């Protein structure tokens, strides 16, 4: 069973990689580094016309390769310097899972929520103004999620934070 699932995932990954060529990858790299680049600036970097770059970007948006454009804010300058990861174990009831989803959608300090395999059920990435705000958020998480266990890791410093995603290499047929 696991082998089949893995094969399907790998097959899907190869399909997605094949949807974009080397020039699309370069355009994607440029946009991920600076989404405010003009089509003219990208065209100059990749050696295409402005209209060709525009068409390629539109196609990647339509295919869902490009999901959107965002500004990356500095959390410290916005009063949210404390970064923590909360590992949460909950009962397997659907109502509890729904409560976790609702809480994550309603709490703006929860930046990410991942349903994971392994010892924990969820890993949450949170930002808070300080320890007291983090404590309040953890209490809300524990109370609303009916958690049987939670572990919080406070980040002291970060060596790498990135939003860049490099596409998987395209499969080459032999």
N, C-alpha and C. Protein backbone atom coordinates (compact mmCIF):
# COMPACT_ATOMS: atom_id res chain seq x y z
N UNK A 1 0.82 -1.20 0.00
CA UNK A 1 0.00 0.00 0.00
C UNK A 1 0.86 1.25 0.00
N UNK A 2 1.88 1.31 0.85
CA UNK A 2 2.73 2.49 0.93
C UNK A 2 3.49 2.71 -0.37
N UNK A 3 3.94 1.63 -1.00
CA UNK A 3 4.71 1.75 -2.23
C UNK A 3 3.85 2.38 -3.31
N UNK A 4 2.59 1.96 -3.41
CA UNK A 4 1.69 2.51 -4.42
C UNK A 4 1.47 4.00 -4.19
N UNK A 5 1.25 4.40 -2.96
CA UNK A 5 1.03 5.80 -2.65
C UNK A 5 2.28 6.61 -2.99
N UNK A 6 3.44 6.10 -2.62
CA UNK A 6 4.69 6.78 -2.92
C UNK A 6 4.87 6.93 -4.42
N UNK A 7 4.55 5.88 -5.18
CA UNK A 7 4.67 5.93 -6.63
C UNK A 7 3.76 6.99 -7.22
N UNK A 8 2.54 7.07 -6.74
CA UNK A 8 1.59 8.07 -7.22
C UNK A 8 2.11 9.47 -6.92
N UNK A 9 2.64 9.69 -5.72
CA UNK A 9 3.19 10.99 -5.37
C UNK A 9 4.37 11.33 -6.27
N UNK A 10 5.28 10.39 -6.47
CA UNK A 10 6.43 10.64 -7.34
C UNK A 10 5.99 10.89 -8.78
N UNK A 11 5.01 10.12 -9.23
CA UNK A 11 4.50 10.30 -10.58
C UNK A 11 3.89 11.70 -10.74
N UNK A 12 3.12 12.16 -9.75
CA UNK A 12 2.51 13.48 -9.77
C UNK A 12 3.59 14.55 -9.76
N UNK A 13 4.63 14.35 -8.92
CA UNK A 13 5.73 15.30 -8.83
C UNK A 13 6.43 15.44 -10.18
N UNK A 14 6.66 14.34 -10.86
CA UNK A 14 7.31 14.38 -12.16
C UNK A 14 6.42 15.09 -13.18
N UNK A 15 5.10 14.88 -13.07
CA UNK A 15 4.15 15.54 -13.98
C UNK A 15 4.20 17.04 -13.79
N UNK A 16 4.20 17.50 -12.54
CA UNK A 16 4.25 18.93 -12.26
C UNK A 16 5.55 19.51 -12.79
N UNK A 17 6.68 18.83 -12.56
CA UNK A 17 7.98 19.32 -13.01
C UNK A 17 8.02 19.43 -14.53
N UNK A 18 7.37 18.49 -15.20
CA UNK A 18 7.38 18.48 -16.66
C UNK A 18 6.51 19.61 -17.22
N UNK A 19 5.62 20.17 -16.41
CA UNK A 19 4.74 21.24 -16.88
C UNK A 19 5.50 22.54 -17.13
N UNK A 20 6.65 22.69 -16.53
CA UNK A 20 7.42 23.91 -16.71
C UNK A 20 8.81 23.56 -17.23
N UNK A 21 9.29 24.37 -18.14
CA UNK A 21 10.61 24.12 -18.71
C UNK A 21 11.67 24.96 -18.00
N UNK A 22 12.89 24.94 -18.51
CA UNK A 22 14.01 25.64 -17.87
C UNK A 22 13.78 27.15 -17.82
N UNK A 23 13.17 27.71 -18.83
CA UNK A 23 12.92 29.16 -18.83
C UNK A 23 11.85 29.50 -17.80
N UNK A 24 10.79 28.67 -17.74
CA UNK A 24 9.77 28.89 -16.71
C UNK A 24 10.40 28.83 -15.32
N UNK A 25 11.32 27.91 -15.13
CA UNK A 25 12.01 27.79 -13.83
C UNK A 25 12.78 29.07 -13.50
N UNK A 26 13.45 29.62 -14.51
CA UNK A 26 14.19 30.87 -14.29
C UNK A 26 13.24 32.01 -13.94
N UNK A 27 12.13 32.08 -14.66
CA UNK A 27 11.13 33.12 -14.38
C UNK A 27 10.58 32.94 -12.97
N UNK A 28 10.29 31.71 -12.60
CA UNK A 28 9.78 31.41 -11.26
C UNK A 28 10.79 31.79 -10.18
N UNK A 29 12.07 31.49 -10.41
CA UNK A 29 13.13 31.89 -9.48
C UNK A 29 13.16 33.40 -9.30
N UNK A 30 13.08 34.11 -10.42
CA UNK A 30 13.10 35.58 -10.37
C UNK A 30 11.91 36.12 -9.59
N UNK A 31 10.72 35.58 -9.85
CA UNK A 31 9.52 36.06 -9.15
C UNK A 31 9.55 35.73 -7.67
N UNK A 32 10.08 34.56 -7.33
CA UNK A 32 10.15 34.21 -5.91
C UNK A 32 11.14 35.09 -5.17
N UNK A 33 12.19 35.53 -5.86
CA UNK A 33 13.16 36.42 -5.24
C UNK A 33 12.63 37.84 -5.13
N UNK A 34 11.84 38.26 -6.13
CA UNK A 34 11.27 39.61 -6.13
C UNK A 34 10.04 39.62 -7.03
N UNK A 35 8.88 39.50 -6.42
CA UNK A 35 7.61 39.44 -7.17
C UNK A 35 7.25 40.77 -7.82
N UNK A 36 8.00 41.82 -7.50
CA UNK A 36 7.71 43.13 -8.08
C UNK A 36 8.48 43.39 -9.38
N UNK A 37 9.26 42.41 -9.81
CA UNK A 37 9.98 42.58 -11.08
C UNK A 37 8.99 42.77 -12.22
N UNK A 38 9.34 43.64 -13.13
CA UNK A 38 8.49 43.85 -14.30
C UNK A 38 8.74 42.73 -15.31
N UNK A 39 7.80 42.57 -16.21
CA UNK A 39 7.99 41.58 -17.28
C UNK A 39 9.21 41.95 -18.12
N UNK A 40 9.47 43.24 -18.29
CA UNK A 40 10.63 43.69 -19.07
C UNK A 40 11.94 43.27 -18.39
N UNK A 41 12.00 43.42 -17.06
CA UNK A 41 13.20 43.02 -16.33
C UNK A 41 13.42 41.51 -16.42
N UNK A 42 12.33 40.74 -16.30
CA UNK A 42 12.46 39.29 -16.40
C UNK A 42 12.84 38.89 -17.82
N UNK A 43 12.24 39.54 -18.81
CA UNK A 43 12.53 39.22 -20.21
C UNK A 43 14.02 39.41 -20.50
N UNK A 44 14.58 40.49 -19.98
CA UNK A 44 16.00 40.75 -20.17
C UNK A 44 16.86 39.65 -19.52
N UNK A 45 16.44 39.18 -18.34
CA UNK A 45 17.20 38.16 -17.63
C UNK A 45 17.15 36.79 -18.30
N UNK A 46 16.01 36.47 -18.92
CA UNK A 46 15.86 35.14 -19.50
C UNK A 46 16.01 35.12 -21.02
N UNK A 47 16.17 36.30 -21.63
CA UNK A 47 16.41 36.36 -23.07
C UNK A 47 15.17 36.14 -23.92
N UNK A 48 14.02 36.58 -23.44
CA UNK A 48 12.78 36.49 -24.21
C UNK A 48 12.17 37.87 -24.38
N UNK A 49 11.12 37.94 -25.18
CA UNK A 49 10.39 39.20 -25.32
C UNK A 49 9.49 39.39 -24.10
N UNK A 50 9.08 40.62 -23.89
CA UNK A 50 8.20 40.94 -22.76
C UNK A 50 6.88 40.17 -22.88
N UNK A 51 6.33 40.10 -24.08
CA UNK A 51 5.05 39.40 -24.27
C UNK A 51 5.19 37.89 -23.99
N UNK A 52 6.33 37.31 -24.35
CA UNK A 52 6.55 35.88 -24.08
C UNK A 52 6.62 35.62 -22.58
N UNK A 53 7.31 36.49 -21.85
CA UNK A 53 7.39 36.33 -20.40
C UNK A 53 6.01 36.49 -19.79
N UNK A 54 5.27 37.49 -20.24
CA UNK A 54 3.91 37.71 -19.73
C UNK A 54 3.05 36.46 -19.93
N UNK A 55 3.10 35.86 -21.12
CA UNK A 55 2.32 34.65 -21.41
C UNK A 55 2.74 33.49 -20.52
N UNK A 56 4.04 33.32 -20.32
CA UNK A 56 4.53 32.23 -19.48
C UNK A 56 4.07 32.40 -18.03
N UNK A 57 4.13 33.63 -17.52
CA UNK A 57 3.68 33.89 -16.15
C UNK A 57 2.19 33.59 -16.04
N UNK A 58 1.41 34.05 -17.00
CA UNK A 58 -0.05 33.81 -16.98
C UNK A 58 -0.35 32.30 -17.02
N UNK A 59 0.39 31.54 -17.82
CA UNK A 59 0.19 30.09 -17.90
C UNK A 59 0.52 29.42 -16.56
N UNK A 60 1.61 29.87 -15.92
CA UNK A 60 1.98 29.29 -14.62
C UNK A 60 0.93 29.65 -13.56
N UNK A 61 0.35 30.83 -13.65
CA UNK A 61 -0.73 31.20 -12.73
C UNK A 61 -1.96 30.32 -12.97
N UNK A 62 -2.30 30.13 -14.24
CA UNK A 62 -3.48 29.32 -14.60
C UNK A 62 -3.32 27.86 -14.17
N UNK A 63 -2.10 27.32 -14.31
CA UNK A 63 -1.82 25.94 -13.92
C UNK A 63 -1.73 25.77 -12.40
N UNK A 64 -1.65 26.91 -11.67
CA UNK A 64 -1.54 26.83 -10.22
C UNK A 64 -0.10 26.70 -9.73
N UNK A 65 0.87 26.80 -10.64
CA UNK A 65 2.27 26.78 -10.23
C UNK A 65 2.56 28.02 -9.39
N UNK A 66 2.04 29.17 -9.85
CA UNK A 66 2.11 30.41 -9.08
C UNK A 66 0.75 30.59 -8.43
N UNK A 67 0.74 30.54 -7.09
CA UNK A 67 -0.53 30.62 -6.36
C UNK A 67 -0.91 32.05 -5.99
N UNK A 68 0.05 32.96 -5.94
CA UNK A 68 -0.26 34.33 -5.58
C UNK A 68 1.02 35.12 -5.35
N UNK A 69 0.84 36.36 -4.96
CA UNK A 69 1.96 37.26 -4.71
C UNK A 69 1.76 37.90 -3.34
N UNK A 70 2.83 37.97 -2.55
CA UNK A 70 2.71 38.51 -1.19
C UNK A 70 3.89 39.42 -0.88
N UNK A 71 3.68 40.27 0.12
CA UNK A 71 4.77 41.06 0.68
C UNK A 71 5.21 40.34 1.95
N UNK A 72 6.48 40.19 2.15
CA UNK A 72 7.00 39.52 3.34
C UNK A 72 7.32 40.59 4.37
N UNK A 73 6.59 40.56 5.47
CA UNK A 73 6.72 41.58 6.51
C UNK A 73 7.75 41.16 7.55
N UNK A 74 8.34 42.13 8.21
CA UNK A 74 9.28 41.89 9.30
C UNK A 74 8.49 41.76 10.60
N UNK A 75 8.43 40.56 11.19
CA UNK A 75 7.62 40.35 12.39
C UNK A 75 8.03 41.23 13.57
N UNK A 76 9.32 41.47 13.71
CA UNK A 76 9.79 42.30 14.83
C UNK A 76 9.27 43.73 14.71
N UNK A 77 9.27 44.26 13.50
CA UNK A 77 8.80 45.62 13.29
C UNK A 77 7.28 45.73 13.43
N UNK A 78 6.60 44.59 13.40
CA UNK A 78 5.15 44.58 13.58
C UNK A 78 4.76 44.15 14.99
N UNK A 79 5.75 44.07 15.88
CA UNK A 79 5.48 43.76 17.28
C UNK A 79 5.24 42.29 17.58
N UNK A 80 5.71 41.40 16.71
CA UNK A 80 5.56 39.95 16.93
C UNK A 80 6.91 39.25 16.81
N UNK A 81 7.85 39.56 17.71
CA UNK A 81 9.20 39.01 17.58
C UNK A 81 9.33 37.55 18.02
N UNK A 82 8.39 37.06 18.82
CA UNK A 82 8.53 35.71 19.37
C UNK A 82 7.96 34.68 18.39
N UNK A 83 8.82 33.78 17.96
CA UNK A 83 8.45 32.70 17.05
C UNK A 83 8.49 31.39 17.83
N UNK A 84 7.45 30.59 17.69
CA UNK A 84 7.41 29.29 18.38
C UNK A 84 6.72 28.27 17.50
N UNK A 85 7.04 27.01 17.77
CA UNK A 85 6.37 25.89 17.12
C UNK A 85 5.67 25.10 18.21
N UNK A 86 4.41 24.82 18.01
CA UNK A 86 3.61 24.06 18.98
C UNK A 86 3.27 22.73 18.36
N UNK A 87 3.72 21.67 19.00
CA UNK A 87 3.37 20.31 18.58
C UNK A 87 2.18 19.88 19.41
N UNK A 88 1.15 19.44 18.75
CA UNK A 88 -0.12 19.16 19.40
C UNK A 88 -0.58 17.74 19.11
N UNK A 89 -0.94 17.03 20.16
CA UNK A 89 -1.53 15.70 20.01
C UNK A 89 -2.96 15.79 20.50
N UNK A 90 -3.89 15.34 19.68
CA UNK A 90 -5.31 15.41 20.02
C UNK A 90 -5.95 14.04 19.85
N UNK A 91 -7.16 13.91 20.37
CA UNK A 91 -7.90 12.67 20.14
C UNK A 91 -8.27 12.61 18.66
N UNK A 92 -8.62 11.47 18.19
CA UNK A 92 -8.84 11.29 16.76
C UNK A 92 -10.26 11.63 16.31
N UNK A 93 -11.05 12.22 17.16
CA UNK A 93 -12.42 12.54 16.79
C UNK A 93 -12.47 13.64 15.74
N UNK A 94 -13.38 13.49 14.78
CA UNK A 94 -13.53 14.49 13.73
C UNK A 94 -13.86 15.86 14.29
N UNK A 95 -14.65 15.90 15.35
CA UNK A 95 -15.02 17.19 15.95
C UNK A 95 -13.80 17.93 16.47
N UNK A 96 -12.83 17.18 17.01
CA UNK A 96 -11.59 17.81 17.50
C UNK A 96 -10.79 18.36 16.33
N UNK A 97 -10.70 17.59 15.26
CA UNK A 97 -9.99 18.07 14.06
C UNK A 97 -10.63 19.34 13.53
N UNK A 98 -11.95 19.37 13.50
CA UNK A 98 -12.65 20.58 13.05
C UNK A 98 -12.36 21.75 13.97
N UNK A 99 -12.28 21.49 15.28
CA UNK A 99 -11.99 22.56 16.25
C UNK A 99 -10.59 23.12 16.02
N UNK A 100 -9.63 22.25 15.71
CA UNK A 100 -8.27 22.70 15.43
C UNK A 100 -8.27 23.59 14.19
N UNK A 101 -8.96 23.15 13.15
CA UNK A 101 -9.03 23.95 11.92
C UNK A 101 -9.67 25.32 12.17
N UNK A 102 -10.76 25.32 12.89
CA UNK A 102 -11.45 26.58 13.19
C UNK A 102 -10.56 27.51 14.01
N UNK A 103 -9.89 26.96 15.01
CA UNK A 103 -9.00 27.76 15.84
C UNK A 103 -7.88 28.36 15.00
N UNK A 104 -7.28 27.55 14.14
CA UNK A 104 -6.18 28.03 13.30
C UNK A 104 -6.65 29.12 12.35
N UNK A 105 -7.86 29.01 11.86
CA UNK A 105 -8.39 30.04 10.97
C UNK A 105 -8.77 31.32 11.70
N UNK A 106 -9.12 31.21 12.98
CA UNK A 106 -9.56 32.40 13.72
C UNK A 106 -8.42 33.12 14.46
N UNK A 107 -7.37 32.41 14.81
CA UNK A 107 -6.25 33.00 15.54
C UNK A 107 -5.19 33.51 14.56
N UNK A 108 -5.06 34.82 14.45
CA UNK A 108 -4.11 35.39 13.49
C UNK A 108 -2.66 35.14 13.87
N UNK A 109 -2.39 34.84 15.13
CA UNK A 109 -1.01 34.56 15.55
C UNK A 109 -0.56 33.15 15.14
N UNK A 110 -1.49 32.31 14.71
CA UNK A 110 -1.12 30.99 14.17
C UNK A 110 -0.88 31.19 12.68
N UNK A 111 0.38 31.12 12.28
CA UNK A 111 0.76 31.37 10.89
C UNK A 111 0.57 30.15 10.01
N UNK A 112 0.86 28.97 10.56
CA UNK A 112 0.76 27.73 9.81
C UNK A 112 0.25 26.64 10.72
N UNK A 113 -0.47 25.69 10.13
CA UNK A 113 -0.92 24.51 10.86
C UNK A 113 -0.77 23.32 9.91
N UNK A 114 -0.02 22.33 10.36
CA UNK A 114 0.24 21.16 9.52
C UNK A 114 -0.22 19.90 10.24
N UNK A 115 -1.06 19.11 9.59
CA UNK A 115 -1.46 17.80 10.09
C UNK A 115 -0.33 16.86 9.70
N UNK A 116 0.31 16.23 10.69
CA UNK A 116 1.53 15.47 10.44
C UNK A 116 1.39 14.00 10.84
N UNK A 117 2.21 13.18 10.23
CA UNK A 117 2.32 11.78 10.63
C UNK A 117 3.40 11.71 11.71
N UNK A 118 3.29 10.74 12.57
CA UNK A 118 4.29 10.57 13.61
C UNK A 118 3.68 10.70 14.99
N UNK A 119 4.52 11.07 15.93
CA UNK A 119 4.12 11.14 17.33
C UNK A 119 3.04 12.20 17.58
N UNK A 120 3.12 13.32 16.89
CA UNK A 120 2.16 14.41 17.07
C UNK A 120 1.11 14.37 15.98
N UNK A 121 0.04 15.11 16.20
CA UNK A 121 -1.03 15.22 15.20
C UNK A 121 -0.87 16.48 14.36
N UNK A 122 -0.49 17.57 15.01
CA UNK A 122 -0.36 18.86 14.33
C UNK A 122 0.92 19.57 14.77
N UNK A 123 1.47 20.35 13.87
CA UNK A 123 2.55 21.27 14.20
C UNK A 123 2.08 22.66 13.77
N UNK A 124 2.10 23.59 14.72
CA UNK A 124 1.67 24.95 14.46
C UNK A 124 2.86 25.89 14.54
N UNK A 125 2.94 26.80 13.61
CA UNK A 125 3.95 27.85 13.64
C UNK A 125 3.22 29.11 14.10
N UNK A 126 3.69 29.69 15.20
CA UNK A 126 3.00 30.85 15.77
C UNK A 126 3.95 32.02 15.97
N UNK A 127 3.40 33.20 15.93
CA UNK A 127 4.12 34.45 16.22
C UNK A 127 3.37 35.16 17.32
N UNK A 128 4.10 35.69 18.29
CA UNK A 128 3.46 36.40 19.41
C UNK A 128 4.30 37.62 19.78
N UNK A 129 3.65 38.53 20.49
CA UNK A 129 4.34 39.74 20.94
C UNK A 129 5.33 39.43 22.06
N UNK A 130 5.05 38.41 22.85
CA UNK A 130 5.93 38.05 23.96
C UNK A 130 5.44 36.80 24.66
N UNK A 131 6.10 36.41 25.74
CA UNK A 131 5.75 35.17 26.45
C UNK A 131 4.31 35.14 26.96
N UNK A 132 3.81 36.24 27.48
CA UNK A 132 2.45 36.26 28.01
C UNK A 132 1.42 36.03 26.90
N UNK A 133 1.64 36.63 25.74
CA UNK A 133 0.73 36.43 24.61
C UNK A 133 0.83 35.00 24.09
N UNK A 134 2.04 34.45 24.11
CA UNK A 134 2.21 33.06 23.69
C UNK A 134 1.48 32.13 24.67
N UNK A 135 1.61 32.40 25.95
CA UNK A 135 0.93 31.58 26.96
C UNK A 135 -0.59 31.62 26.75
N UNK A 136 -1.11 32.79 26.47
CA UNK A 136 -2.55 32.93 26.23
C UNK A 136 -2.98 32.14 24.98
N UNK A 137 -2.16 32.20 23.94
CA UNK A 137 -2.45 31.47 22.71
C UNK A 137 -2.40 29.96 22.95
N UNK A 138 -1.40 29.50 23.69
CA UNK A 138 -1.29 28.07 23.98
C UNK A 138 -2.49 27.60 24.80
N UNK A 139 -2.93 28.41 25.74
CA UNK A 139 -4.13 28.07 26.53
C UNK A 139 -5.34 27.94 25.62
N UNK A 140 -5.47 28.86 24.67
CA UNK A 140 -6.59 28.79 23.73
C UNK A 140 -6.51 27.54 22.87
N UNK A 141 -5.31 27.22 22.43
CA UNK A 141 -5.11 26.02 21.61
C UNK A 141 -5.49 24.77 22.40
N UNK A 142 -4.97 24.66 23.61
CA UNK A 142 -5.25 23.48 24.44
C UNK A 142 -6.73 23.38 24.79
N UNK A 143 -7.35 24.51 25.08
CA UNK A 143 -8.75 24.51 25.47
C UNK A 143 -9.68 24.17 24.32
N UNK A 144 -9.41 24.72 23.16
CA UNK A 144 -10.30 24.51 22.01
C UNK A 144 -10.04 23.21 21.28
N UNK A 145 -8.84 22.69 21.39
CA UNK A 145 -8.50 21.50 20.63
C UNK A 145 -8.64 20.22 21.43
N UNK A 146 -8.99 20.32 22.70
CA UNK A 146 -9.09 19.13 23.56
C UNK A 146 -7.84 18.28 23.41
N UNK A 147 -6.69 18.94 23.56
CA UNK A 147 -5.43 18.24 23.34
C UNK A 147 -5.09 17.33 24.51
N UNK A 148 -4.49 16.20 24.16
CA UNK A 148 -4.02 15.31 25.20
C UNK A 148 -2.57 15.64 25.55
N UNK A 149 -1.90 16.40 24.66
CA UNK A 149 -0.50 16.76 24.90
C UNK A 149 -0.11 17.89 23.96
N UNK A 150 0.71 18.80 24.48
CA UNK A 150 1.30 19.82 23.61
C UNK A 150 2.73 20.07 24.06
N UNK A 151 3.57 20.38 23.09
CA UNK A 151 4.97 20.72 23.36
C UNK A 151 5.25 21.99 22.57
N UNK A 152 5.78 22.99 23.26
CA UNK A 152 6.09 24.26 22.61
C UNK A 152 7.59 24.47 22.57
N UNK A 153 8.09 24.80 21.39
CA UNK A 153 9.50 25.12 21.20
C UNK A 153 9.59 26.58 20.80
N UNK A 154 10.28 27.37 21.62
CA UNK A 154 10.47 28.78 21.32
C UNK A 154 11.77 28.93 20.55
N UNK A 155 11.71 29.66 19.45
CA UNK A 155 12.88 29.86 18.60
C UNK A 155 13.76 30.96 19.20
N UNK A 156 15.03 30.64 19.43
CA UNK A 156 15.97 31.63 19.95
C UNK A 156 16.56 32.47 18.83
N UNK A 157 16.91 31.82 17.73
CA UNK A 157 17.39 32.54 16.55
C UNK A 157 17.15 31.65 15.34
N UNK A 158 17.09 32.27 14.19
CA UNK A 158 16.85 31.54 12.94
C UNK A 158 18.02 31.72 12.00
N UNK A 159 18.49 30.63 11.46
CA UNK A 159 19.61 30.67 10.53
C UNK A 159 19.14 30.73 9.08
N UNK A 160 17.93 30.26 8.85
CA UNK A 160 17.37 30.31 7.51
C UNK A 160 15.86 30.32 7.59
N UNK A 161 15.27 31.28 6.93
CA UNK A 161 13.82 31.32 6.71
C UNK A 161 13.66 31.67 5.24
N UNK A 162 12.85 30.91 4.54
CA UNK A 162 12.72 31.14 3.11
C UNK A 162 11.32 30.79 2.65
N UNK A 163 10.89 31.47 1.62
CA UNK A 163 9.64 31.12 0.95
C UNK A 163 9.94 30.56 -0.44
N UNK A 164 11.21 30.48 -0.79
CA UNK A 164 11.60 30.00 -2.11
C UNK A 164 11.42 28.49 -2.22
N UNK A 165 10.81 28.06 -3.31
CA UNK A 165 10.64 26.63 -3.58
C UNK A 165 11.25 26.35 -4.94
N UNK A 166 12.25 25.51 -4.95
CA UNK A 166 12.87 25.12 -6.21
C UNK A 166 12.12 23.92 -6.77
N UNK A 167 11.67 24.00 -8.01
CA UNK A 167 10.94 22.86 -8.59
C UNK A 167 11.80 21.61 -8.62
N UNK A 168 11.17 20.46 -8.48
CA UNK A 168 11.89 19.19 -8.58
C UNK A 168 12.41 19.06 -10.01
N UNK A 169 13.55 18.42 -10.16
CA UNK A 169 14.10 18.27 -11.51
C UNK A 169 13.18 17.42 -12.38
N UNK A 170 13.06 17.77 -13.63
CA UNK A 170 12.24 17.01 -14.56
C UNK A 170 12.89 15.66 -14.81
N UNK A 171 12.07 14.65 -14.93
CA UNK A 171 12.57 13.30 -15.21
C UNK A 171 13.00 13.22 -16.67
N UNK A 172 14.14 12.59 -16.90
CA UNK A 172 14.65 12.42 -18.25
C UNK A 172 14.47 10.96 -18.63
N UNK A 173 13.78 10.70 -19.77
CA UNK A 173 13.60 9.33 -20.21
C UNK A 173 14.87 8.82 -20.86
N UNK A 174 15.26 7.59 -20.51
CA UNK A 174 16.48 6.98 -21.07
C UNK A 174 16.18 6.25 -22.35
